[in-house]
């Protein structure tokens, strides 16, 4: 049983040792240069993304400024419209009072006076 245990450990150790790759100094430097080239490409892409995002942010800030101006203008228009509505309601109330003053009273009815005139004429 102990022999089998040592044999398994020996096989495992042998597989680990056999799986390791060793590189020469030139190969290692070449791999480092390739890695650096990849990172330089990634950094250039990141820089271009950052530049485009800065432009996008500047455009968005301009849009926000325009929207704020529009909101201020809309609030002024809303206040002016509400003042105009109040003025029109006051004018409507004044017109109703004028209509009541202009409407003929009961004693200004011409038919009433016509009937009274016929009646007095017959008498």
PDB file of N, CA and C in Angstrom:
ATOM      1  N   UNK A   1       0.808  -1.176   0.000  1.00  0.00           N
ATOM      2  CA  UNK A   1       0.000   0.000   0.000  1.00  0.00           C
ATOM      3  C   UNK A   1       0.866   1.261   0.000  1.00  0.00           C
ATOM      4  N   UNK A   2       1.942   1.256   0.782  1.00  0.00           N
ATOM      5  CA  UNK A   2       2.841   2.394   0.829  1.00  0.00           C
ATOM      6  C   UNK A   2       3.538   2.577  -0.511  1.00  0.00           C
ATOM      7  N   UNK A   3       3.824   1.479  -1.157  1.00  0.00           N
ATOM      8  CA  UNK A   3       4.526   1.554  -2.436  1.00  0.00           C
ATOM      9  C   UNK A   3       3.611   2.218  -3.474  1.00  0.00           C
ATOM     10  N   UNK A   4       2.359   1.872  -3.468  1.00  0.00           N
ATOM     11  CA  UNK A   4       1.409   2.476  -4.400  1.00  0.00           C
ATOM     12  C   UNK A   4       1.284   3.974  -4.136  1.00  0.00           C
ATOM     13  N   UNK A   5       1.272   4.362  -2.887  1.00  0.00           N
ATOM     14  CA  UNK A   5       1.176   5.766  -2.508  1.00  0.00           C
ATOM     15  C   UNK A   5       2.394   6.522  -3.025  1.00  0.00           C
ATOM     16  N   UNK A   6       3.593   5.980  -2.826  1.00  0.00           N
ATOM     17  CA  UNK A   6       4.817   6.630  -3.295  1.00  0.00           C
ATOM     18  C   UNK A   6       4.867   6.654  -4.820  1.00  0.00           C
ATOM     19  N   UNK A   7       4.343   5.617  -5.442  1.00  0.00           N
ATOM     20  CA  UNK A   7       4.338   5.564  -6.900  1.00  0.00           C
ATOM     21  C   UNK A   7       3.434   6.660  -7.473  1.00  0.00           C
ATOM     22  N   UNK A   8       2.286   6.880  -6.854  1.00  0.00           N
ATOM     23  CA  UNK A   8       1.359   7.925  -7.312  1.00  0.00           C
ATOM     24  C   UNK A   8       1.988   9.298  -7.117  1.00  0.00           C
ATOM     25  N   UNK A   9       2.630   9.530  -5.979  1.00  0.00           N
ATOM     26  CA  UNK A   9       3.293  10.808  -5.724  1.00  0.00           C
ATOM     27  C   UNK A   9       4.415  11.016  -6.737  1.00  0.00           C
ATOM     28  N   UNK A  10       5.165   9.965  -7.038  1.00  0.00           N
ATOM     29  CA  UNK A  10       6.261  10.056  -8.000  1.00  0.00           C
ATOM     30  C   UNK A  10       5.720  10.403  -9.392  1.00  0.00           C
ATOM     31  N   UNK A  11       4.632   9.784  -9.787  1.00  0.00           N
ATOM     32  CA  UNK A  11       4.040  10.068 -11.100  1.00  0.00           C
ATOM     33  C   UNK A  11       3.519  11.507 -11.165  1.00  0.00           C
ATOM     34  N   UNK A  12       2.920  11.949 -10.104  1.00  0.00           N
ATOM     35  CA  UNK A  12       2.400  13.322 -10.050  1.00  0.00           C
ATOM     36  C   UNK A  12       3.555  14.322 -10.144  1.00  0.00           C
ATOM     37  N   UNK A  13       4.625  14.084  -9.397  1.00  0.00           N
ATOM     38  CA  UNK A  13       5.783  14.970  -9.420  1.00  0.00           C
ATOM     39  C   UNK A  13       6.427  14.961 -10.804  1.00  0.00           C
ATOM     40  N   UNK A  14       6.505  13.815 -11.418  1.00  0.00           N
ATOM     41  CA  UNK A  14       7.091  13.699 -12.746  1.00  0.00           C
ATOM     42  C   UNK A  14       6.267  14.464 -13.781  1.00  0.00           C
ATOM     43  N   UNK A  15       4.940  14.409 -13.641  1.00  0.00           N
ATOM     44  CA  UNK A  15       4.080  15.136 -14.594  1.00  0.00           C
ATOM     45  C   UNK A  15       4.234  16.642 -14.412  1.00  0.00           C
ATOM     46  N   UNK A  16       4.427  17.103 -13.190  1.00  0.00           N
ATOM     47  CA  UNK A  16       4.614  18.532 -12.945  1.00  0.00           C
ATOM     48  C   UNK A  16       5.946  18.985 -13.517  1.00  0.00           C
ATOM     49  N   UNK A  17       6.981  18.246 -13.284  1.00  0.00           N
ATOM     50  CA  UNK A  17       8.305  18.609 -13.794  1.00  0.00           C
ATOM     51  C   UNK A  17       8.314  18.582 -15.313  1.00  0.00           C
ATOM     52  N   UNK A  18       7.672  17.602 -15.906  1.00  0.00           N
ATOM     53  CA  UNK A  18       7.647  17.474 -17.353  1.00  0.00           C
ATOM     54  C   UNK A  18       6.795  18.577 -17.995  1.00  0.00           C
ATOM     55  N   UNK A  19       5.792  19.098 -17.293  1.00  0.00           N
ATOM     56  CA  UNK A  19       4.877  20.092 -17.850  1.00  0.00           C
ATOM     57  C   UNK A  19       5.497  21.481 -17.882  1.00  0.00           C
ATOM     58  N   UNK A  20       6.539  21.728 -17.128  1.00  0.00           N
ATOM     59  CA  UNK A  20       7.139  23.053 -17.088  1.00  0.00           C
ATOM     60  C   UNK A  20       7.941  23.305 -18.357  1.00  0.00           C
ATOM     61  N   UNK A  21       7.740  24.520 -18.931  1.00  0.00           N
ATOM     62  CA  UNK A  21       8.510  24.923 -20.101  1.00  0.00           C
ATOM     63  C   UNK A  21       9.544  25.943 -19.657  1.00  0.00           C
ATOM     64  N   UNK A  22      10.688  25.860 -20.199  1.00  0.00           N
ATOM     65  CA  UNK A  22      11.724  26.846 -19.909  1.00  0.00           C
ATOM     66  C   UNK A  22      11.995  27.621 -21.180  1.00  0.00           C
ATOM     67  N   UNK A  23      12.232  28.904 -21.009  1.00  0.00           N
ATOM     68  CA  UNK A  23      12.470  29.769 -22.147  1.00  0.00           C
ATOM     69  C   UNK A  23      13.862  30.356 -22.050  1.00  0.00           C
ATOM     70  N   UNK A  24      14.423  30.642 -23.196  1.00  0.00           N
ATOM     71  CA  UNK A  24      15.713  31.312 -23.203  1.00  0.00           C
ATOM     72  C   UNK A  24      15.481  32.787 -22.947  1.00  0.00           C
ATOM     73  N   UNK A  25      16.549  33.496 -22.711  1.00  0.00           N
ATOM     74  CA  UNK A  25      16.430  34.917 -22.427  1.00  0.00           C
ATOM     75  C   UNK A  25      15.875  35.655 -23.640  1.00  0.00           C
ATOM     76  N   UNK A  26      16.267  35.283 -24.837  1.00  0.00           N
ATOM     77  CA  UNK A  26      15.778  35.935 -26.051  1.00  0.00           C
ATOM     78  C   UNK A  26      14.282  35.688 -26.225  1.00  0.00           C
ATOM     79  N   UNK A  27      13.841  34.446 -25.967  1.00  0.00           N
ATOM     80  CA  UNK A  27      12.415  34.133 -26.070  1.00  0.00           C
ATOM     81  C   UNK A  27      11.609  34.922 -25.039  1.00  0.00           C
ATOM     82  N   UNK A  28      12.148  35.023 -23.829  1.00  0.00           N
ATOM     83  CA  UNK A  28      11.456  35.775 -22.780  1.00  0.00           C
ATOM     84  C   UNK A  28      11.349  37.245 -23.158  1.00  0.00           C
ATOM     85  N   UNK A  29      12.433  37.838 -23.695  1.00  0.00           N
ATOM     86  CA  UNK A  29      12.398  39.236 -24.117  1.00  0.00           C
ATOM     87  C   UNK A  29      11.404  39.438 -25.263  1.00  0.00           C
ATOM     88  N   UNK A  30      11.378  38.486 -26.198  1.00  0.00           N
ATOM     89  CA  UNK A  30      10.438  38.580 -27.303  1.00  0.00           C
ATOM     90  C   UNK A  30       8.994  38.528 -26.798  1.00  0.00           C
ATOM     91  N   UNK A  31       8.701  37.659 -25.846  1.00  0.00           N
ATOM     92  CA  UNK A  31       7.350  37.580 -25.279  1.00  0.00           C
ATOM     93  C   UNK A  31       6.992  38.872 -24.556  1.00  0.00           C
ATOM     94  N   UNK A  32       7.954  39.470 -23.851  1.00  0.00           N
ATOM     95  CA  UNK A  32       7.706  40.730 -23.152  1.00  0.00           C
ATOM     96  C   UNK A  32       7.431  41.840 -24.161  1.00  0.00           C
ATOM     97  N   UNK A  33       8.183  41.868 -25.272  1.00  0.00           N
ATOM     98  CA  UNK A  33       7.953  42.880 -26.311  1.00  0.00           C
ATOM     99  C   UNK A  33       6.577  42.714 -26.939  1.00  0.00           C
ATOM    100  N   UNK A  34       6.164  41.491 -27.171  1.00  0.00           N
ATOM    101  CA  UNK A  34       4.824  41.250 -27.725  1.00  0.00           C
ATOM    102  C   UNK A  34       3.742  41.714 -26.767  1.00  0.00           C
ATOM    103  N   UNK A  35       3.956  41.407 -25.498  1.00  0.00           N
ATOM    104  CA  UNK A  35       2.988  41.842 -24.486  1.00  0.00           C
ATOM    105  C   UNK A  35       2.926  43.364 -24.422  1.00  0.00           C
ATOM    106  N   UNK A  36       4.088  44.026 -24.462  1.00  0.00           N
ATOM    107  CA  UNK A  36       4.116  45.487 -24.439  1.00  0.00           C
ATOM    108  C   UNK A  36       3.432  46.073 -25.673  1.00  0.00           C
ATOM    109  N   UNK A  37       3.626  45.439 -26.836  1.00  0.00           N
ATOM    110  CA  UNK A  37       2.971  45.912 -28.061  1.00  0.00           C
ATOM    111  C   UNK A  37       1.465  45.788 -27.936  1.00  0.00           C
ATOM    112  N   UNK A  38       1.001  44.689 -27.362  1.00  0.00           N
ATOM    113  CA  UNK A  38      -0.446  44.528 -27.155  1.00  0.00           C
ATOM    114  C   UNK A  38      -0.971  45.609 -26.220  1.00  0.00           C
ATOM    115  N   UNK A  39      -0.245  45.861 -25.140  1.00  0.00           N
ATOM    116  CA  UNK A  39      -0.686  46.876 -24.193  1.00  0.00           C
ATOM    117  C   UNK A  39      -0.647  48.265 -24.815  1.00  0.00           C
ATOM    118  N   UNK A  40       0.334  48.543 -25.668  1.00  0.00           N
ATOM    119  CA  UNK A  40       0.383  49.845 -26.329  1.00  0.00           C
ATOM    120  C   UNK A  40      -0.842  50.032 -27.222  1.00  0.00           C
ATOM    121  N   UNK A  41      -1.229  48.971 -27.940  1.00  0.00           N
ATOM    122  CA  UNK A  41      -2.439  49.044 -28.762  1.00  0.00           C
ATOM    123  C   UNK A  41      -3.668  49.278 -27.906  1.00  0.00           C
ATOM    124  N   UNK A  42      -3.726  48.595 -26.796  1.00  0.00           N
ATOM    125  CA  UNK A  42      -4.874  48.778 -25.898  1.00  0.00           C
ATOM    126  C   UNK A  42      -4.893  50.185 -25.308  1.00  0.00           C
ATOM    127  N   UNK A  43      -3.714  50.699 -24.978  1.00  0.00           N
ATOM    128  CA  UNK A  43      -3.629  52.051 -24.418  1.00  0.00           C
ATOM    129  C   UNK A  43      -4.051  53.082 -25.458  1.00  0.00           C
ATOM    130  N   UNK A  44      -3.640  52.891 -26.722  1.00  0.00           N
ATOM    131  CA  UNK A  44      -4.051  53.815 -27.776  1.00  0.00           C
ATOM    132  C   UNK A  44      -5.575  53.785 -27.954  1.00  0.00           C
ATOM    133  N   UNK A  45      -6.156  52.595 -27.918  1.00  0.00           N
ATOM    134  CA  UNK A  45      -7.617  52.484 -28.021  1.00  0.00           C
ATOM    135  C   UNK A  45      -8.288  53.182 -26.842  1.00  0.00           C
ATOM    136  N   UNK A  46      -7.731  52.988 -25.644  1.00  0.00           N
ATOM    137  CA  UNK A  46      -8.308  53.629 -24.452  1.00  0.00           C
ATOM    138  C   UNK A  46      -8.195  55.145 -24.555  1.00  0.00           C
ATOM    139  N   UNK A  47      -7.048  55.644 -25.057  1.00  0.00           N
ATOM    140  CA  UNK A  47      -6.889  57.093 -25.219  1.00  0.00           C
ATOM    141  C   UNK A  47      -7.894  57.650 -26.221  1.00  0.00           C
ATOM    142  N   UNK A  48      -8.099  56.931 -27.326  1.00  0.00           N
ATOM    143  CA  UNK A  48      -9.076  57.409 -28.300  1.00  0.00           C
ATOM    144  C   UNK A  48     -10.491  57.363 -27.722  1.00  0.00           C
ATOM    145  N   UNK A  49     -10.791  56.333 -26.932  1.00  0.00           N
ATOM    146  CA  UNK A  49     -12.112  56.274 -26.279  1.00  0.00           C
ATOM    147  C   UNK A  49     -12.281  57.423 -25.291  1.00  0.00           C
ATOM    148  N   UNK A  50     -11.226  57.726 -24.559  1.00  0.00           N
ATOM    149  CA  UNK A  50     -11.294  58.828 -23.587  1.00  0.00           C
ATOM    150  C   UNK A  50     -11.522  60.145 -24.317  1.00  0.00           C
ATOM    151  N   UNK A  51     -10.807  60.339 -25.443  1.00  0.00           N
ATOM    152  CA  UNK A  51     -10.977  61.579 -26.208  1.00  0.00           C
ATOM    153  C   UNK A  51     -12.406  61.691 -26.743  1.00  0.00           C
ATOM    154  N   UNK A  52     -12.937  60.582 -27.269  1.00  0.00           N
ATOM    155  CA  UNK A  52     -14.311  60.636 -27.785  1.00  0.00           C
ATOM    156  C   UNK A  52     -15.312  60.863 -26.658  1.00  0.00           C
ATOM    157  N   UNK A  53     -15.056  60.283 -25.497  1.00  0.00           N
ATOM    158  CA  UNK A  53     -15.951  60.501 -24.353  1.00  0.00           C
ATOM    159  C   UNK A  53     -15.893  61.950 -23.888  1.00  0.00           C
ATOM    160  N   UNK A  54     -14.700  62.573 -23.947  1.00  0.00           N
ATOM    161  CA  UNK A  54     -14.595  63.984 -23.571  1.00  0.00           C
ATOM    162  C   UNK A  54     -15.406  64.853 -24.529  1.00  0.00           C
ATOM    163  N   UNK A  55     -15.327  64.543 -25.835  1.00  0.00           N
ATOM    164  CA  UNK A  55     -16.124  65.287 -26.810  1.00  0.00           C
ATOM    165  C   UNK A  55     -17.615  65.089 -26.551  1.00  0.00           C
ATOM    166  N   UNK A  56     -17.994  63.857 -26.243  1.00  0.00           N
ATOM    167  CA  UNK A  56     -19.393  63.569 -25.961  1.00  0.00           C
ATOM    168  C   UNK A  56     -19.861  64.316 -24.717  1.00  0.00           C
ATOM    169  N   UNK A  57     -19.022  64.369 -23.705  1.00  0.00           N
ATOM    170  CA  UNK A  57     -19.380  65.091 -22.475  1.00  0.00           C
ATOM    171  C   UNK A  57     -19.525  66.576 -22.762  1.00  0.00           C
ATOM    172  N   UNK A  58     -18.617  67.121 -23.592  1.00  0.00           N
ATOM    173  CA  UNK A  58     -18.715  68.549 -23.938  1.00  0.00           C
ATOM    174  C   UNK A  58     -20.016  68.816 -24.693  1.00  0.00           C
ATOM    175  N   UNK A  59     -20.367  67.933 -25.630  1.00  0.00           N
ATOM    176  CA  UNK A  59     -21.630  68.098 -26.356  1.00  0.00           C
ATOM    177  C   UNK A  59     -22.821  68.020 -25.413  1.00  0.00           C
ATOM    178  N   UNK A  60     -22.776  67.077 -24.482  1.00  0.00           N
ATOM    179  CA  UNK A  60     -23.876  66.925 -23.521  1.00  0.00           C
ATOM    180  C   UNK A  60     -23.991  68.158 -22.623  1.00  0.00           C
ATOM    181  N   UNK A  61     -22.854  68.730 -22.224  1.00  0.00           N
ATOM    182  CA  UNK A  61     -22.907  69.939 -21.403  1.00  0.00           C
ATOM    183  C   UNK A  61     -23.530  71.090 -22.182  1.00  0.00           C
ATOM    184  N   UNK A  62     -23.217  71.174 -23.477  1.00  0.00           N
ATOM    185  CA  UNK A  62     -23.853  72.195 -24.317  1.00  0.00           C
ATOM    186  C   UNK A  62     -25.351  71.985 -24.408  1.00  0.00           C
ATOM    187  N   UNK A  63     -25.767  70.722 -24.559  1.00  0.00           N
ATOM    188  CA  UNK A  63     -27.192  70.412 -24.628  1.00  0.00           C
ATOM    189  C   UNK A  63     -27.891  70.749 -23.313  1.00  0.00           C
ATOM    190  N   UNK A  64     -27.204  70.462 -22.204  1.00  0.00           N
ATOM    191  CA  UNK A  64     -27.790  70.772 -20.896  1.00  0.00           C
ATOM    192  C   UNK A  64     -27.976  72.286 -20.763  1.00  0.00           C
ATOM    193  N   UNK A  65     -26.981  73.056 -21.229  1.00  0.00           N
ATOM    194  CA  UNK A  65     -27.119  74.518 -21.186  1.00  0.00           C
ATOM    195  C   UNK A  65     -28.299  74.991 -22.020  1.00  0.00           C
ATOM    196  N   UNK A  66     -28.448  74.410 -23.223  1.00  0.00           N
ATOM    197  CA  UNK A  66     -29.582  74.770 -24.073  1.00  0.00           C
ATOM    198  C   UNK A  66     -30.904  74.393 -23.426  1.00  0.00           C
ATOM    199  N   UNK A  67     -30.946  73.239 -22.798  1.00  0.00           N
ATOM    200  CA  UNK A  67     -32.181  72.801 -22.142  1.00  0.00           C
ATOM    201  C   UNK A  67     -32.521  73.696 -20.958  1.00  0.00           C
ATOM    202  N   UNK A  68     -31.498  74.149 -20.226  1.00  0.00           N
ATOM    203  CA  UNK A  68     -31.763  75.058 -19.114  1.00  0.00           C
ATOM    204  C   UNK A  68     -32.329  76.382 -19.617  1.00  0.00           C
ATOM    205  N   UNK A  69     -31.768  76.898 -20.729  1.00  0.00           N
ATOM    206  CA  UNK A  69     -32.300  78.127 -21.303  1.00  0.00           C
ATOM    207  C   UNK A  69     -33.745  77.928 -21.758  1.00  0.00           C
ATOM    208  N   UNK A  70     -34.005  76.789 -22.378  1.00  0.00           N
ATOM    209  CA  UNK A  70     -35.359  76.492 -22.836  1.00  0.00           C
ATOM    210  C   UNK A  70     -36.314  76.373 -21.650  1.00  0.00           C
ATOM    211  N   UNK A  71     -35.854  75.750 -20.572  1.00  0.00           N
ATOM    212  CA  UNK A  71     -36.695  75.615 -19.380  1.00  0.00           C
ATOM    213  C   UNK A  71     -37.013  76.985 -18.785  1.00  0.00           C
ATOM    214  N   UNK A  72     -36.013  77.865 -18.746  1.00  0.00           N
ATOM    215  CA  UNK A  72     -36.260  79.221 -18.229  1.00  0.00           C
ATOM    216  C   UNK A  72     -37.251  79.960 -19.110  1.00  0.00           C
ATOM    217  N   UNK A  73     -37.078  79.839 -20.422  1.00  0.00           N
ATOM    218  CA  UNK A  73     -37.992  80.492 -21.351  1.00  0.00           C
ATOM    219  C   UNK A  73     -39.403  79.929 -21.211  1.00  0.00           C
ATOM    220  N   UNK A  74     -39.499  78.609 -21.065  1.00  0.00           N
ATOM    221  CA  UNK A  74     -40.815  77.992 -20.884  1.00  0.00           C
ATOM    222  C   UNK A  74     -41.486  78.444 -19.596  1.00  0.00           C
ATOM    223  N   UNK A  75     -40.693  78.581 -18.525  1.00  0.00           N
ATOM    224  CA  UNK A  75     -41.300  79.045 -17.270  1.00  0.00           C
ATOM    225  C   UNK A  75     -41.783  80.487 -17.407  1.00  0.00           C
ATOM    226  N   UNK A  76     -41.021  81.325 -18.134  1.00  0.00           N
ATOM    227  CA  UNK A  76     -41.488  82.701 -18.362  1.00  0.00           C
ATOM    228  C   UNK A  76     -42.771  82.710 -19.186  1.00  0.00           C
ATOM    229  N   UNK A  77     -42.823  81.872 -20.216  1.00  0.00           N
ATOM    230  CA  UNK A  77     -44.039  81.794 -21.027  1.00  0.00           C
ATOM    231  C   UNK A  77     -45.217  81.291 -20.200  1.00  0.00           C
ATOM    232  N   UNK A  78     -44.967  80.329 -19.332  1.00  0.00           N
ATOM    233  CA  UNK A  78     -46.032  79.797 -18.484  1.00  0.00           C
ATOM    234  C   UNK A  78     -46.566  80.870 -17.544  1.00  0.00           C
ATOM    235  N   UNK A  79     -45.662  81.656 -16.961  1.00  0.00           N
ATOM    236  CA  UNK A  79     -46.101  82.748 -16.089  1.00  0.00           C
ATOM    237  C   UNK A  79     -46.899  83.792 -16.867  1.00  0.00           C
ATOM    238  N   UNK A  80     -46.431  84.104 -18.087  1.00  0.00           N
ATOM    239  CA  UNK A  80     -47.156  85.085 -18.904  1.00  0.00           C
ATOM    240  C   UNK A  80     -48.530  84.559 -19.292  1.00  0.00           C
ATOM    241  N   UNK A  81     -48.628  83.294 -19.621  1.00  0.00           N
ATOM    242  CA  UNK A  81     -49.922  82.719 -19.986  1.00  0.00           C
ATOM    243  C   UNK A  81     -50.870  82.704 -18.795  1.00  0.00           C
ATOM    244  N   UNK A  82     -50.356  82.382 -17.606  1.00  0.00           N
ATOM    245  CA  UNK A  82     -51.237  82.389 -16.436  1.00  0.00           C
ATOM    246  C   UNK A  82     -51.722  83.812 -16.133  1.00  0.00           C
ATOM    247  N   UNK A  83     -50.845  84.805 -16.326  1.00  0.00           N
ATOM    248  CA  UNK A  83     -51.276  86.195 -16.132  1.00  0.00           C
ATOM    249  C   UNK A  83     -52.322  86.579 -17.178  1.00  0.00           C
ATOM    250  N   UNK A  84     -52.111  86.101 -18.415  1.00  0.00           N
ATOM    251  CA  UNK A  84     -53.084  86.387 -19.467  1.00  0.00           C
ATOM    252  C   UNK A  84     -54.422  85.724 -19.164  1.00  0.00           C
ATOM    253  N   UNK A  85     -54.414  84.516 -18.628  1.00  0.00           N
ATOM    254  CA  UNK A  85     -55.659  83.825 -18.267  1.00  0.00           C
ATOM    255  C   UNK A  85     -56.394  84.596 -17.176  1.00  0.00           C
ATOM    256  N   UNK A  86     -55.656  85.077 -16.167  1.00  0.00           N
ATOM    257  CA  UNK A  86     -56.291  85.871 -15.112  1.00  0.00           C
ATOM    258  C   UNK A  86     -56.907  87.148 -15.682  1.00  0.00           C
ATOM    259  N   UNK A  87     -56.173  87.788 -16.599  1.00  0.00           N
ATOM    260  CA  UNK A  87     -56.681  89.009 -17.217  1.00  0.00           C
ATOM    261  C   UNK A  87     -57.942  88.728 -18.029  1.00  0.00           C
ATOM    262  N   UNK A  88     -57.955  87.638 -18.771  1.00  0.00           N
ATOM    263  CA  UNK A  88     -59.135  87.294 -19.565  1.00  0.00           C
ATOM    264  C   UNK A  88     -60.327  86.942 -18.680  1.00  0.00           C
ATOM    265  N   UNK A  89     -60.086  86.288 -17.549  1.00  0.00           N
ATOM    266  CA  UNK A  89     -61.179  85.990 -16.622  1.00  0.00           C
ATOM    267  C   UNK A  89     -61.753  87.275 -16.042  1.00  0.00           C
ATOM    268  N   UNK A  90     -60.875  88.224 -15.717  1.00  0.00           N
ATOM    269  CA  UNK A  90     -61.353  89.514 -15.195  1.00  0.00           C
ATOM    270  C   UNK A  90     -62.145  90.253 -16.267  1.00  0.00           C
ATOM    271  N   UNK A  91     -61.678  90.204 -17.516  1.00  0.00           N
ATOM    272  CA  UNK A  91     -62.407  90.854 -18.614  1.00  0.00           C
ATOM    273  C   UNK A  91     -63.764  90.191 -18.827  1.00  0.00           C
ATOM    274  N   UNK A  92     -63.812  88.857 -18.688  1.00  0.00           N
ATOM    275  CA  UNK A  92     -65.083  88.136 -18.844  1.00  0.00           C
ATOM    276  C   UNK A  92     -66.074  88.552 -17.765  1.00  0.00           C
ATOM    277  N   UNK A  93     -65.585  88.675 -16.527  1.00  0.00           N
ATOM    278  CA  UNK A  93     -66.469  89.113 -15.437  1.00  0.00           C
ATOM    279  C   UNK A  93     -66.977  90.531 -15.689  1.00  0.00           C
ATOM    280  N   UNK A  94     -66.092  91.411 -16.189  1.00  0.00           N
ATOM    281  CA  UNK A  94     -66.518  92.780 -16.477  1.00  0.00           C
ATOM    282  C   UNK A  94     -67.536  92.804 -17.614  1.00  0.00           C
ATOM    283  N   UNK A  95     -67.345  91.975 -18.621  1.00  0.00           N
ATOM    284  CA  UNK A  95     -68.306  91.907 -19.735  1.00  0.00           C
ATOM    285  C   UNK A  95     -69.665  91.398 -19.263  1.00  0.00           C
ATOM    286  N   UNK A  96     -69.672  90.442 -18.348  1.00  0.00           N
ATOM    287  CA  UNK A  96     -70.948  89.955 -17.812  1.00  0.00           C
ATOM    288  C   UNK A  96     -71.674  91.069 -17.061  1.00  0.00           C
ATOM    289  N   UNK A  97     -70.931  91.882 -16.320  1.00  0.00           N
ATOM    290  CA  UNK A  97     -71.562  93.014 -15.629  1.00  0.00           C
ATOM    291  C   UNK A  97     -72.128  94.014 -16.634  1.00  0.00           C
ATOM    292  N   UNK A  98     -71.380  94.254 -17.721  1.00  0.00           N
ATOM    293  CA  UNK A  98     -71.888  95.180 -18.743  1.00  0.00           C
ATOM    294  C   UNK A  98     -73.142  94.633 -19.408  1.00  0.00           C
ATOM    295  N   UNK A  99     -73.179  93.333 -19.646  1.00  0.00           N
ATOM    296  CA  UNK A  99     -74.368  92.734 -20.253  1.00  0.00           C
ATOM    297  C   UNK A  99     -75.562  92.896 -19.334  1.00  0.00           C
ATOM    298  N   UNK A 100     -75.363  92.724 -18.055  1.00  0.00           N
ATOM    299  CA  UNK A 100     -76.463  92.901 -17.110  1.00  0.00           C
ATOM    300  C   UNK A 100     -76.945  94.347 -17.089  1.00  0.00           C
ATOM    301  N   UNK A 101     -76.025  95.308 -17.262  1.00  0.00           N
ATOM    302  CA  UNK A 101     -76.439  96.707 -17.283  1.00  0.00           C
ATOM    303  C   UNK A 101     -77.175  97.063 -18.570  1.00  0.00           C
ATOM    304  N   UNK A 102     -76.817  96.425 -19.659  1.00  0.00           N
ATOM    305  CA  UNK A 102     -77.410  96.748 -20.954  1.00  0.00           C
ATOM    306  C   UNK A 102     -78.742  96.039 -21.156  1.00  0.00           C
ATOM    307  N   UNK A 103     -78.977  94.910 -20.520  1.00  0.00           N
ATOM    308  CA  UNK A 103     -80.237  94.178 -20.701  1.00  0.00           C
ATOM    309  C   UNK A 103     -81.415  95.060 -20.281  1.00  0.00           C
ATOM    310  N   UNK A 104     -82.470  95.049 -21.061  1.00  0.00           N
ATOM    311  CA  UNK A 104     -83.621  95.891 -20.719  1.00  0.00           C
ATOM    312  C   UNK A 104     -84.329  95.379 -19.457  1.00  0.00           C
ATOM    313  N   UNK A 105     -84.822  96.328 -18.689  1.00  0.00           N
ATOM    314  CA  UNK A 105     -85.562  95.970 -17.467  1.00  0.00           C
ATOM    315  C   UNK A 105     -86.983  95.570 -17.857  1.00  0.00           C
ATOM    316  N   UNK A 106     -87.763  95.114 -16.911  1.00  0.00           N
ATOM    317  CA  UNK A 106     -89.107  94.650 -17.221  1.00  0.00           C
ATOM    318  C   UNK A 106     -89.995  95.775 -17.693  1.00  0.00           C
ATOM    319  N   UNK A 107     -89.737  96.954 -17.172  1.00  0.00           N
ATOM    320  CA  UNK A 107     -90.589  98.073 -17.548  1.00  0.00           C
ATOM    321  C   UNK A 107     -90.149  98.717 -18.876  1.00  0.00           C
ATOM    322  N   UNK A 108     -89.044  98.252 -19.458  1.00  0.00           N
ATOM    323  CA  UNK A 108     -88.617  98.778 -20.748  1.00  0.00           C
ATOM    324  C   UNK A 108     -89.082  97.889 -21.897  1.00  0.00           C
ATOM    325  N   UNK A 109     -89.971  96.973 -21.616  1.00  0.00           N
ATOM    326  CA  UNK A 109     -90.466  96.059 -22.633  1.00  0.00           C
ATOM    327  C   UNK A 109     -91.459  96.798 -23.526  1.00  0.00           C
ATOM    328  N   UNK A 110     -91.229  96.829 -24.836  1.00  0.00           N
ATOM    329  CA  UNK A 110     -92.080  97.579 -25.772  1.00  0.00           C
ATOM    330  C   UNK A 110     -93.457  96.940 -25.919  1.00  0.00           C
ATOM    331  N   UNK A 111     -93.534  95.647 -25.794  1.00  0.00           N
ATOM    332  CA  UNK A 111     -94.835  94.983 -25.906  1.00  0.00           C
ATOM    333  C   UNK A 111     -95.722  95.341 -24.718  1.00  0.00           C
ATOM    334  N   UNK A 112     -95.082  95.465 -23.561  1.00  0.00           N
ATOM    335  CA  UNK A 112     -95.838  95.871 -22.380  1.00  0.00           C
ATOM    336  C   UNK A 112     -96.456  97.254 -22.598  1.00  0.00           C
ATOM    337  N   UNK A 113     -95.677  98.192 -23.077  1.00  0.00           N
ATOM    338  CA  UNK A 113     -96.184  99.542 -23.327  1.00  0.00           C
ATOM    339  C   UNK A 113     -97.207  99.558 -24.471  1.00  0.00           C
ATOM    340  N   UNK A 114     -97.049  98.668 -25.438  1.00  0.00           N
ATOM    341  CA  UNK A 114     -98.017  98.587 -26.526  1.00  0.00           C
ATOM    342  C   UNK A 114     -99.378  98.132 -25.995  1.00  0.00           C
ATOM    343  N   UNK A 115     -99.375  97.124 -25.138  1.00  0.00           N
ATOM    344  CA  UNK A 115    -100.625  96.618 -24.554  1.00  0.00           C
ATOM    345  C   UNK A 115    -101.254  97.689 -23.653  1.00  0.00           C
ATOM    346  N   UNK A 116    -100.417  98.368 -22.855  1.00  0.00           N
ATOM    347  CA  UNK A 116    -100.937  99.425 -21.990  1.00  0.00           C
ATOM    348  C   UNK A 116    -101.545 100.550 -22.843  1.00  0.00           C
ATOM    349  N   UNK A 117    -100.897 100.890 -23.965  1.00  0.00           N
ATOM    350  CA  UNK A 117    -101.402 101.936 -24.851  1.00  0.00           C
ATOM    351  C   UNK A 117    -102.736 101.536 -25.491  1.00  0.00           C
ATOM    352  N   UNK A 118    -102.864 100.280 -25.944  1.00  0.00           N
ATOM    353  CA  UNK A 118    -104.122  99.827 -26.510  1.00  0.00           C
ATOM    354  C   UNK A 118    -105.212  99.844 -25.446  1.00  0.00           C
ATOM    355  N   UNK A 119    -104.856  99.421 -24.260  1.00  0.00           N
ATOM    356  CA  UNK A 119    -105.837  99.367 -23.184  1.00  0.00           C
ATOM    357  C   UNK A 119    -106.304 100.776 -22.843  1.00  0.00           C
ATOM    358  N   UNK A 120    -105.395 101.697 -22.694  1.00  0.00           N
ATOM    359  CA  UNK A 120    -105.762 103.074 -22.374  1.00  0.00           C
ATOM    360  C   UNK A 120    -106.546 103.716 -23.528  1.00  0.00           C
ATOM    361  N   UNK A 121    -106.203 103.339 -24.747  1.00  0.00           N
ATOM    362  CA  UNK A 121    -106.918 103.872 -25.921  1.00  0.00           C
ATOM    363  C   UNK A 121    -108.329 103.365 -25.976  1.00  0.00           C
ATOM    364  N   UNK A 122    -108.600 102.174 -25.581  1.00  0.00           N
ATOM    365  CA  UNK A 122    -109.944 101.610 -25.583  1.00  0.00           C
ATOM    366  C   UNK A 122    -110.778 102.224 -24.466  1.00  0.00           C
ATOM    367  N   UNK A 123    -110.114 102.553 -23.399  1.00  0.00           N
ATOM    368  CA  UNK A 123    -110.853 103.094 -22.259  1.00  0.00           C
ATOM    369  C   UNK A 123    -111.178 104.510 -22.617  1.00  0.00           C
TER     370      UNK A 123
END
